[in-house]
Amino acid sequence: QVQLVESGGGLVQAGGSLRLSCTASGNIFSILRMGWYRQAPGKQRELVASITNRGSTNYADSVKGRFTISRDNAKNTLYLQMNSLKLEDTADYYCAAGRPGASSAMDFWGRGTLVTVSS
């Protein structure tokens, strides 16, 4: 079992930046697929960005060029650097991890951290 704990959310003005962190328990972080998801009020959860255990990244079109996902395997930590934040980025942000394999489903989820972007 892997436990994920997010931090770094908060209130920021439009155009500002935040960095989210997600720390994982255990000793298998380096082989996990990792991702950041978000869910805005009244909307479905969506993938924001993902990173493989080898460091390949993927982004939602809505955040390309503004957000950067990265990982530090030595610290068991996943990051999401968010720049040029927009009102529509307001959401609960969740860290997720998946075991290696063919499935793209995530096996472990954090409890989320709230990001609120104000005008």
N, C-alpha and C. Protein backbone atom coordinates (compact mmCIF):
# COMPACT_ATOMS: atom_id res chain seq x y z
N GLN A 1 0.83 -1.19 0.00
CA GLN A 1 0.00 0.00 0.00
C GLN A 1 0.87 1.24 0.00
N VAL A 2 0.48 2.21 -0.79
CA VAL A 2 1.21 3.47 -0.88
C VAL A 2 0.29 4.58 -0.41
N GLN A 3 0.77 5.38 0.51
CA GLN A 3 0.00 6.54 0.95
C GLN A 3 0.58 7.79 0.32
N LEU A 4 -0.31 8.65 -0.14
CA LEU A 4 0.09 9.87 -0.83
C LEU A 4 -0.46 11.07 -0.08
N VAL A 5 0.39 12.04 0.15
CA VAL A 5 -0.02 13.25 0.88
C VAL A 5 0.37 14.47 0.06
N GLU A 6 -0.64 15.23 -0.34
CA GLU A 6 -0.41 16.45 -1.12
C GLU A 6 -0.23 17.65 -0.19
N SER A 7 0.47 18.64 -0.69
CA SER A 7 0.62 19.91 0.01
C SER A 7 0.89 21.00 -1.01
N GLY A 8 0.76 22.25 -0.57
CA GLY A 8 1.10 23.36 -1.43
C GLY A 8 -0.06 24.12 -2.02
N GLY A 9 -1.27 23.63 -1.81
CA GLY A 9 -2.43 24.35 -2.32
C GLY A 9 -2.66 25.65 -1.56
N GLY A 10 -3.55 26.47 -2.08
CA GLY A 10 -3.86 27.72 -1.41
C GLY A 10 -4.56 28.69 -2.32
N LEU A 11 -4.60 29.92 -1.88
CA LEU A 11 -5.25 31.00 -2.63
C LEU A 11 -4.18 31.82 -3.35
N VAL A 12 -4.40 32.04 -4.63
CA VAL A 12 -3.44 32.81 -5.43
C VAL A 12 -4.20 33.65 -6.43
N GLN A 13 -3.64 34.79 -6.76
CA GLN A 13 -4.28 35.64 -7.76
C GLN A 13 -4.02 35.11 -9.16
N ALA A 14 -4.91 35.42 -10.05
CA ALA A 14 -4.73 35.04 -11.45
C ALA A 14 -3.41 35.59 -11.95
N GLY A 15 -2.70 34.74 -12.69
CA GLY A 15 -1.38 35.12 -13.17
C GLY A 15 -0.25 34.69 -12.26
N GLY A 16 -0.59 34.27 -11.07
CA GLY A 16 0.41 33.85 -10.09
C GLY A 16 0.83 32.41 -10.27
N SER A 17 1.63 31.95 -9.31
CA SER A 17 2.20 30.60 -9.37
C SER A 17 2.02 29.88 -8.04
N LEU A 18 1.97 28.57 -8.12
CA LEU A 18 1.97 27.69 -6.96
C LEU A 18 2.74 26.44 -7.33
N ARG A 19 3.32 25.80 -6.31
CA ARG A 19 3.94 24.50 -6.53
C ARG A 19 3.31 23.50 -5.57
N LEU A 20 2.73 22.48 -6.14
CA LEU A 20 2.16 21.39 -5.36
C LEU A 20 3.21 20.30 -5.18
N SER A 21 3.15 19.66 -4.02
CA SER A 21 4.01 18.53 -3.74
C SER A 21 3.17 17.35 -3.31
N CYS A 22 3.68 16.17 -3.57
CA CYS A 22 3.01 14.93 -3.15
C CYS A 22 4.10 13.98 -2.68
N THR A 23 4.02 13.62 -1.42
CA THR A 23 5.01 12.71 -0.84
C THR A 23 4.39 11.34 -0.68
N ALA A 24 5.13 10.33 -1.12
CA ALA A 24 4.65 8.95 -1.08
C ALA A 24 5.36 8.15 0.00
N SER A 25 4.61 7.25 0.62
CA SER A 25 5.21 6.35 1.61
C SER A 25 5.79 5.13 0.89
N GLY A 26 6.58 4.38 1.62
CA GLY A 26 7.10 3.14 1.07
C GLY A 26 8.37 3.33 0.26
N ASN A 27 8.77 2.24 -0.40
CA ASN A 27 10.05 2.26 -1.12
C ASN A 27 9.92 1.87 -2.59
N ILE A 28 8.72 2.06 -3.14
CA ILE A 28 8.53 1.69 -4.54
C ILE A 28 8.22 2.89 -5.41
N PHE A 29 8.40 4.09 -4.86
CA PHE A 29 8.04 5.31 -5.60
C PHE A 29 8.68 5.35 -6.98
N SER A 30 9.92 4.94 -7.06
CA SER A 30 10.66 5.10 -8.32
C SER A 30 10.08 4.29 -9.47
N ILE A 31 9.31 3.26 -9.17
CA ILE A 31 8.77 2.45 -10.26
C ILE A 31 7.31 2.77 -10.56
N LEU A 32 6.74 3.71 -9.83
CA LEU A 32 5.33 4.05 -10.00
C LEU A 32 5.10 5.07 -11.11
N ARG A 33 4.00 4.90 -11.81
CA ARG A 33 3.49 5.96 -12.67
C ARG A 33 2.80 6.97 -11.75
N MET A 34 3.00 8.24 -12.01
CA MET A 34 2.43 9.27 -11.15
C MET A 34 1.63 10.28 -11.96
N GLY A 35 0.67 10.88 -11.30
CA GLY A 35 -0.12 11.89 -12.01
C GLY A 35 -0.78 12.87 -11.07
N TRP A 36 -1.12 13.99 -11.60
CA TRP A 36 -1.93 15.00 -10.92
C TRP A 36 -3.28 15.08 -11.64
N TYR A 37 -4.32 15.03 -10.85
CA TYR A 37 -5.68 15.17 -11.36
C TYR A 37 -6.33 16.34 -10.63
N ARG A 38 -7.40 16.85 -11.21
CA ARG A 38 -8.12 17.90 -10.51
C ARG A 38 -9.62 17.74 -10.75
N GLN A 39 -10.37 18.27 -9.79
CA GLN A 39 -11.82 18.25 -9.91
C GLN A 39 -12.37 19.59 -9.42
N ALA A 40 -13.00 20.29 -10.35
CA ALA A 40 -13.63 21.56 -10.02
C ALA A 40 -15.07 21.29 -9.59
N PRO A 41 -15.66 22.21 -8.84
CA PRO A 41 -17.05 22.03 -8.40
C PRO A 41 -17.99 21.79 -9.58
N GLY A 42 -18.77 20.74 -9.49
CA GLY A 42 -19.74 20.44 -10.53
C GLY A 42 -19.17 19.82 -11.79
N LYS A 43 -17.88 19.51 -11.77
CA LYS A 43 -17.24 18.93 -12.95
C LYS A 43 -16.63 17.58 -12.63
N GLN A 44 -16.36 16.83 -13.68
CA GLN A 44 -15.71 15.53 -13.50
C GLN A 44 -14.22 15.72 -13.24
N ARG A 45 -13.67 14.75 -12.58
CA ARG A 45 -12.22 14.76 -12.36
C ARG A 45 -11.51 14.60 -13.70
N GLU A 46 -10.42 15.33 -13.87
CA GLU A 46 -9.67 15.26 -15.12
C GLU A 46 -8.18 15.14 -14.84
N LEU A 47 -7.51 14.52 -15.77
CA LEU A 47 -6.06 14.40 -15.69
C LEU A 47 -5.44 15.74 -16.03
N VAL A 48 -4.53 16.20 -15.18
CA VAL A 48 -3.80 17.45 -15.44
C VAL A 48 -2.46 17.14 -16.09
N ALA A 49 -1.72 16.22 -15.47
CA ALA A 49 -0.40 15.87 -15.98
C ALA A 49 0.00 14.52 -15.41
N SER A 50 0.84 13.81 -16.15
CA SER A 50 1.33 12.52 -15.67
C SER A 50 2.80 12.39 -16.02
N ILE A 51 3.45 11.49 -15.30
CA ILE A 51 4.87 11.23 -15.53
C ILE A 51 5.13 9.76 -15.29
N THR A 52 5.85 9.14 -16.21
CA THR A 52 6.16 7.73 -16.05
C THR A 52 7.34 7.55 -15.10
N ASN A 53 7.63 6.30 -14.79
CA ASN A 53 8.77 6.04 -13.92
C ASN A 53 10.09 6.41 -14.60
N ARG A 54 10.05 6.55 -15.92
CA ARG A 54 11.26 6.95 -16.65
C ARG A 54 11.32 8.44 -16.92
N GLY A 55 10.28 9.16 -16.51
CA GLY A 55 10.30 10.61 -16.65
C GLY A 55 9.59 11.18 -17.85
N SER A 56 8.92 10.36 -18.63
CA SER A 56 8.14 10.87 -19.75
C SER A 56 6.88 11.53 -19.22
N THR A 57 6.56 12.68 -19.78
CA THR A 57 5.45 13.47 -19.26
C THR A 57 4.33 13.64 -20.28
N ASN A 58 3.16 13.92 -19.77
CA ASN A 58 1.98 14.16 -20.59
C ASN A 58 1.13 15.21 -19.89
N TYR A 59 0.56 16.14 -20.68
CA TYR A 59 -0.21 17.24 -20.10
C TYR A 59 -1.57 17.38 -20.78
N ALA A 60 -2.52 17.82 -20.01
CA ALA A 60 -3.79 18.23 -20.59
C ALA A 60 -3.54 19.48 -21.44
N ASP A 61 -4.30 19.61 -22.52
CA ASP A 61 -4.10 20.76 -23.41
C ASP A 61 -4.28 22.08 -22.66
N SER A 62 -5.16 22.08 -21.69
CA SER A 62 -5.49 23.31 -20.98
C SER A 62 -4.34 23.84 -20.11
N VAL A 63 -3.35 22.99 -19.82
CA VAL A 63 -2.25 23.43 -18.95
C VAL A 63 -0.89 23.41 -19.64
N LYS A 64 -0.86 22.95 -20.87
CA LYS A 64 0.42 22.89 -21.58
C LYS A 64 1.06 24.28 -21.65
N GLY A 65 2.36 24.30 -21.36
CA GLY A 65 3.08 25.56 -21.39
C GLY A 65 2.99 26.36 -20.11
N ARG A 66 2.10 25.95 -19.20
CA ARG A 66 1.94 26.67 -17.93
C ARG A 66 2.31 25.81 -16.73
N PHE A 67 2.03 24.51 -16.80
CA PHE A 67 2.29 23.60 -15.69
C PHE A 67 3.45 22.67 -16.05
N THR A 68 4.20 22.29 -15.03
CA THR A 68 5.29 21.34 -15.22
C THR A 68 5.24 20.29 -14.12
N ILE A 69 5.18 19.03 -14.53
CA ILE A 69 5.21 17.92 -13.57
C ILE A 69 6.63 17.40 -13.50
N SER A 70 7.04 17.04 -12.29
CA SER A 70 8.38 16.48 -12.13
C SER A 70 8.37 15.56 -10.91
N ARG A 71 9.42 14.78 -10.78
CA ARG A 71 9.51 13.85 -9.65
C ARG A 71 10.94 13.79 -9.15
N ASP A 72 11.06 13.57 -7.86
CA ASP A 72 12.37 13.37 -7.24
C ASP A 72 12.31 12.02 -6.54
N ASN A 73 12.84 11.01 -7.18
CA ASN A 73 12.74 9.66 -6.64
C ASN A 73 13.51 9.51 -5.32
N ALA A 74 14.55 10.27 -5.15
CA ALA A 74 15.32 10.19 -3.91
C ALA A 74 14.50 10.69 -2.71
N LYS A 75 13.55 11.57 -2.99
CA LYS A 75 12.72 12.14 -1.92
C LYS A 75 11.30 11.57 -1.91
N ASN A 76 11.04 10.60 -2.80
CA ASN A 76 9.69 10.04 -2.90
C ASN A 76 8.63 11.12 -3.10
N THR A 77 8.95 12.11 -3.92
CA THR A 77 8.08 13.27 -4.04
C THR A 77 7.80 13.62 -5.49
N LEU A 78 6.54 13.94 -5.72
CA LEU A 78 6.04 14.40 -7.02
C LEU A 78 5.71 15.88 -6.90
N TYR A 79 5.97 16.62 -7.96
CA TYR A 79 5.71 18.06 -7.94
C TYR A 79 4.82 18.46 -9.12
N LEU A 80 4.14 19.57 -8.92
CA LEU A 80 3.44 20.22 -10.03
C LEU A 80 3.67 21.72 -9.89
N GLN A 81 4.49 22.25 -10.77
CA GLN A 81 4.72 23.69 -10.81
C GLN A 81 3.65 24.32 -11.69
N MET A 82 2.90 25.23 -11.12
CA MET A 82 1.79 25.85 -11.85
C MET A 82 2.07 27.34 -11.99
N ASN A 83 2.22 27.78 -13.21
CA ASN A 83 2.47 29.19 -13.51
C ASN A 83 1.31 29.77 -14.31
N SER A 84 1.25 31.09 -14.35
CA SER A 84 0.22 31.79 -15.13
C SER A 84 -1.16 31.22 -14.82
N LEU A 85 -1.46 31.10 -13.55
CA LEU A 85 -2.71 30.47 -13.15
C LEU A 85 -3.92 31.29 -13.60
N LYS A 86 -4.96 30.57 -13.97
CA LYS A 86 -6.20 31.17 -14.44
C LYS A 86 -7.33 30.82 -13.48
N LEU A 87 -8.40 31.59 -13.57
CA LEU A 87 -9.56 31.33 -12.71
C LEU A 87 -10.04 29.89 -12.87
N GLU A 88 -9.98 29.40 -14.09
CA GLU A 88 -10.49 28.05 -14.38
C GLU A 88 -9.58 26.94 -13.86
N ASP A 89 -8.45 27.29 -13.29
CA ASP A 89 -7.59 26.29 -12.65
C ASP A 89 -8.04 25.98 -11.23
N THR A 90 -9.00 26.73 -10.72
CA THR A 90 -9.51 26.49 -9.38
C THR A 90 -10.12 25.10 -9.29
N ALA A 91 -9.63 24.30 -8.34
CA ALA A 91 -10.09 22.92 -8.20
C ALA A 91 -9.39 22.27 -7.01
N ASP A 92 -9.90 21.10 -6.66
CA ASP A 92 -9.16 20.22 -5.76
C ASP A 92 -8.17 19.43 -6.62
N TYR A 93 -6.93 19.42 -6.23
CA TYR A 93 -5.89 18.73 -6.97
C TYR A 93 -5.48 17.47 -6.21
N TYR A 94 -5.46 16.35 -6.94
CA TYR A 94 -5.17 15.05 -6.35
C TYR A 94 -3.92 14.45 -6.98
N CYS A 95 -3.12 13.87 -6.12
CA CYS A 95 -1.96 13.10 -6.56
C CYS A 95 -2.40 11.64 -6.67
N ALA A 96 -1.91 10.96 -7.69
CA ALA A 96 -2.26 9.56 -7.88
C ALA A 96 -1.04 8.78 -8.35
N ALA A 97 -1.06 7.49 -8.02
CA ALA A 97 0.05 6.62 -8.40
C ALA A 97 -0.48 5.31 -8.95
N GLY A 98 0.24 4.80 -9.93
CA GLY A 98 -0.15 3.53 -10.52
C GLY A 98 1.02 2.57 -10.58
N ARG A 99 0.71 1.30 -10.36
CA ARG A 99 1.75 0.28 -10.45
C ARG A 99 2.19 0.12 -11.90
N PRO A 100 3.39 -0.33 -12.12
CA PRO A 100 3.83 -0.58 -13.50
C PRO A 100 2.92 -1.62 -14.16
N GLY A 101 2.72 -1.48 -15.45
CA GLY A 101 1.90 -2.45 -16.17
C GLY A 101 1.17 -1.80 -17.32
N ALA A 102 0.37 -2.60 -18.01
CA ALA A 102 -0.31 -2.12 -19.20
C ALA A 102 -1.48 -1.19 -18.87
N SER A 103 -2.09 -1.37 -17.71
CA SER A 103 -3.24 -0.55 -17.36
C SER A 103 -2.83 0.89 -17.08
N SER A 104 -3.68 1.81 -17.49
CA SER A 104 -3.45 3.23 -17.20
C SER A 104 -4.17 3.67 -15.95
N ALA A 105 -4.89 2.75 -15.33
CA ALA A 105 -5.63 3.11 -14.12
C ALA A 105 -4.66 3.38 -12.99
N MET A 106 -5.06 4.28 -12.10
CA MET A 106 -4.27 4.59 -10.93
C MET A 106 -4.74 3.76 -9.75
N ASP A 107 -3.79 3.34 -8.95
CA ASP A 107 -4.08 2.43 -7.85
C ASP A 107 -4.17 3.12 -6.49
N PHE A 108 -3.51 4.26 -6.36
CA PHE A 108 -3.46 4.95 -5.08
C PHE A 108 -3.75 6.43 -5.29
N TRP A 109 -4.47 7.01 -4.31
CA TRP A 109 -4.88 8.40 -4.42
C TRP A 109 -4.63 9.13 -3.11
N GLY A 110 -4.25 10.39 -3.23
CA GLY A 110 -4.17 11.25 -2.07
C GLY A 110 -5.53 11.85 -1.77
N ARG A 111 -5.59 12.63 -0.71
CA ARG A 111 -6.86 13.24 -0.30
C ARG A 111 -7.11 14.58 -0.97
N GLY A 112 -6.12 15.12 -1.61
CA GLY A 112 -6.32 16.35 -2.36
C GLY A 112 -5.87 17.60 -1.63
N THR A 113 -5.59 18.61 -2.42
CA THR A 113 -5.26 19.93 -1.89
C THR A 113 -5.98 20.97 -2.75
N LEU A 114 -6.57 21.95 -2.10
CA LEU A 114 -7.41 22.91 -2.81
C LEU A 114 -6.57 24.06 -3.35
N VAL A 115 -6.79 24.35 -4.63
CA VAL A 115 -6.17 25.51 -5.27
C VAL A 115 -7.30 26.45 -5.67
N THR A 116 -7.22 27.68 -5.19
CA THR A 116 -8.22 28.69 -5.52
C THR A 116 -7.53 29.86 -6.19
N VAL A 117 -7.96 30.16 -7.41
CA VAL A 117 -7.39 31.28 -8.15
C VAL A 117 -8.41 32.41 -8.15
N SER A 118 -7.99 33.57 -7.69
CA SER A 118 -8.90 34.70 -7.59
C SER A 118 -8.54 35.78 -8.61
N SER A 119 -9.53 36.59 -8.91
CA SER A 119 -9.30 37.67 -9.90
C SER A 119 -8.76 38.92 -9.22
